[in-house]
Amino acid sequence: LILLVLMAVGMTAFIAWLGDRVPLFRGRKSQFGAMALGALIVFLVMLVPVVGAILLAAAAFVSAGAALLSRFGAPPKNGAPANGAGAPASPA
């Protein structure tokens, strides 16, 4: 059940990102428009018999991992960088 939630959250973010990256309607595209365009692209890829299913599964697992690593978009605790690295070294 947790994996399905992770995949749903991750795929939603992936679809929005994909729709935003397409250079159609640049400057006039709303978040809903980006989601609709991304969903259309994912749907068209799914129509390809074997490759579509493989690409959709790969995108679902990668986006689920990205959602988990980002802690569902939560800001980092204690002012730590999001990538987990320590504070940058001071120049010598």
C-alpha atoms as a PDB file:
ATOM      1  CA  LEU A   1       0.000   0.000   0.000  1.00  0.00           C
ATOM      2  CA  ILE A   2       2.839   2.386   0.832  1.00  0.00           C
ATOM      3  CA  LEU A   3       4.528   1.603  -2.487  1.00  0.00           C
ATOM      4  CA  LEU A   4       1.320   2.431  -4.356  1.00  0.00           C
ATOM      5  CA  VAL A   5       1.054   5.772  -2.561  1.00  0.00           C
ATOM      6  CA  LEU A   6       4.716   6.491  -3.328  1.00  0.00           C
ATOM      7  CA  MET A   7       4.171   5.671  -6.997  1.00  0.00           C
ATOM      8  CA  ALA A   8       1.038   7.827  -7.195  1.00  0.00           C
ATOM      9  CA  VAL A   9       2.755  10.832  -5.616  1.00  0.00           C
ATOM     10  CA  GLY A  10       5.883  10.320  -7.699  1.00  0.00           C
ATOM     11  CA  MET A  11       4.007   9.869 -10.979  1.00  0.00           C
ATOM     12  CA  THR A  12       1.949  12.988 -10.285  1.00  0.00           C
ATOM     13  CA  ALA A  13       5.132  14.999  -9.834  1.00  0.00           C
ATOM     14  CA  PHE A  14       6.689  13.356 -12.912  1.00  0.00           C
ATOM     15  CA  ILE A  15       3.657  14.099 -15.085  1.00  0.00           C
ATOM     16  CA  ALA A  16       3.622  17.743 -13.952  1.00  0.00           C
ATOM     17  CA  TRP A  17       7.371  18.052 -14.577  1.00  0.00           C
ATOM     18  CA  LEU A  18       7.076  16.412 -18.005  1.00  0.00           C
ATOM     19  CA  GLY A  19       4.210  18.659 -19.056  1.00  0.00           C
ATOM     20  CA  ASP A  20       6.094  21.718 -17.857  1.00  0.00           C
ATOM     21  CA  ARG A  21       9.223  20.773 -19.843  1.00  0.00           C
ATOM     22  CA  VAL A  22       7.362  20.528 -23.177  1.00  0.00           C
ATOM     23  CA  PRO A  23       7.833  23.827 -25.017  1.00  0.00           C
ATOM     24  CA  LEU A  24       4.161  24.179 -26.022  1.00  0.00           C
ATOM     25  CA  PHE A  25       2.222  27.211 -24.769  1.00  0.00           C
ATOM     26  CA  ARG A  26       5.345  28.604 -23.053  1.00  0.00           C
ATOM     27  CA  GLY A  27       4.369  31.470 -20.768  1.00  0.00           C
ATOM     28  CA  ARG A  28       0.633  30.728 -20.982  1.00  0.00           C
ATOM     29  CA  LYS A  29       0.682  27.245 -19.447  1.00  0.00           C
ATOM     30  CA  SER A  30      -1.046  26.755 -16.101  1.00  0.00           C
ATOM     31  CA  GLN A  31      -0.291  23.934 -13.670  1.00  0.00           C
ATOM     32  CA  PHE A  32      -3.440  22.171 -14.855  1.00  0.00           C
ATOM     33  CA  GLY A  33      -2.313  22.551 -18.466  1.00  0.00           C
ATOM     34  CA  ALA A  34       1.094  21.112 -17.641  1.00  0.00           C
ATOM     35  CA  MET A  35      -0.541  18.141 -15.867  1.00  0.00           C
ATOM     36  CA  ALA A  36      -2.902  17.540 -18.788  1.00  0.00           C
ATOM     37  CA  LEU A  37      -0.075  17.710 -21.333  1.00  0.00           C
ATOM     38  CA  GLY A  38       2.135  15.409 -19.252  1.00  0.00           C
ATOM     39  CA  ALA A  39      -0.720  12.933 -18.785  1.00  0.00           C
ATOM     40  CA  LEU A  40      -1.343  12.948 -22.529  1.00  0.00           C
ATOM     41  CA  ILE A  41       2.324  12.198 -23.218  1.00  0.00           C
ATOM     42  CA  VAL A  42       2.369   9.352 -20.671  1.00  0.00           C
ATOM     43  CA  PHE A  43      -0.854   7.956 -22.164  1.00  0.00           C
ATOM     44  CA  LEU A  44       0.599   8.039 -25.677  1.00  0.00           C
ATOM     45  CA  VAL A  45       3.757   6.266 -24.495  1.00  0.00           C
ATOM     46  CA  MET A  46       1.606   3.600 -22.808  1.00  0.00           C
ATOM     47  CA  LEU A  47       0.023   2.814 -26.183  1.00  0.00           C
ATOM     48  CA  VAL A  48       3.309   1.392 -27.494  1.00  0.00           C
ATOM     49  CA  PRO A  49       2.882  -2.376 -26.857  1.00  0.00           C
ATOM     50  CA  VAL A  50       5.959  -3.564 -24.935  1.00  0.00           C
ATOM     51  CA  VAL A  51       8.203  -0.537 -24.649  1.00  0.00           C
ATOM     52  CA  GLY A  52       5.390   1.600 -23.219  1.00  0.00           C
ATOM     53  CA  ALA A  53       4.789  -0.739 -20.289  1.00  0.00           C
ATOM     54  CA  ILE A  54       8.509  -0.983 -19.533  1.00  0.00           C
ATOM     55  CA  LEU A  55       8.974   2.804 -19.662  1.00  0.00           C
ATOM     56  CA  LEU A  56       5.898   3.404 -17.505  1.00  0.00           C
ATOM     57  CA  ALA A  57       7.092   0.909 -14.875  1.00  0.00           C
ATOM     58  CA  ALA A  58      10.574   2.441 -14.878  1.00  0.00           C
ATOM     59  CA  ALA A  59       9.154   5.960 -14.539  1.00  0.00           C
ATOM     60  CA  ALA A  60       6.860   4.835 -11.709  1.00  0.00           C
ATOM     61  CA  PHE A  61       9.658   3.242  -9.697  1.00  0.00           C
ATOM     62  CA  VAL A  62      12.124   6.089 -10.267  1.00  0.00           C
ATOM     63  CA  SER A  63       9.537   8.724  -9.379  1.00  0.00           C
ATOM     64  CA  ALA A  64       8.512   6.744  -6.273  1.00  0.00           C
ATOM     65  CA  GLY A  65      12.137   6.722  -5.175  1.00  0.00           C
ATOM     66  CA  ALA A  66      12.425  10.446  -5.838  1.00  0.00           C
ATOM     67  CA  ALA A  67       9.312  11.113  -3.743  1.00  0.00           C
ATOM     68  CA  LEU A  68      10.723   9.019  -0.927  1.00  0.00           C
ATOM     69  CA  LEU A  69      14.151  10.686  -1.054  1.00  0.00           C
ATOM     70  CA  SER A  70      12.597  14.142  -1.021  1.00  0.00           C
ATOM     71  CA  ARG A  71      10.474  13.122   1.989  1.00  0.00           C
ATOM     72  CA  PHE A  72       7.414  14.092  -0.061  1.00  0.00           C
ATOM     73  CA  GLY A  73       8.814  17.588  -0.610  1.00  0.00           C
ATOM     74  CA  ALA A  74       9.350  18.403   3.063  1.00  0.00           C
ATOM     75  CA  PRO A  75      11.962  21.068   3.812  1.00  0.00           C
ATOM     76  CA  PRO A  76      15.199  19.857   5.410  1.00  0.00           C
ATOM     77  CA  LYS A  77      15.382  19.809   9.199  1.00  0.00           C
ATOM     78  CA  ASN A  78      17.728  22.069  11.190  1.00  0.00           C
ATOM     79  CA  GLY A  79      18.766  24.091   8.153  1.00  0.00           C
ATOM     80  CA  ALA A  80      20.707  21.151   6.683  1.00  0.00           C
ATOM     81  CA  PRO A  81      21.080  21.056   2.882  1.00  0.00           C
ATOM     82  CA  ALA A  82      18.570  18.869   1.055  1.00  0.00           C
ATOM     83  CA  ASN A  83      21.308  16.683  -0.451  1.00  0.00           C
ATOM     84  CA  GLY A  84      22.543  15.553   2.969  1.00  0.00           C
ATOM     85  CA  ALA A  85      25.959  17.150   2.591  1.00  0.00           C
ATOM     86  CA  GLY A  86      27.558  19.041   5.425  1.00  0.00           C
ATOM     87  CA  ALA A  87      28.245  22.747   5.471  1.00  0.00           C
ATOM     88  CA  PRO A  88      30.607  23.916   2.736  1.00  0.00           C
ATOM     89  CA  ALA A  89      34.222  24.320   3.753  1.00  0.00           C
ATOM     90  CA  SER A  90      35.434  27.862   4.288  1.00  0.00           C
ATOM     91  CA  PRO A  91      37.969  29.073   1.731  1.00  0.00           C
ATOM     92  CA  ALA A  92      41.569  29.005   2.920  1.00  0.00           C
END
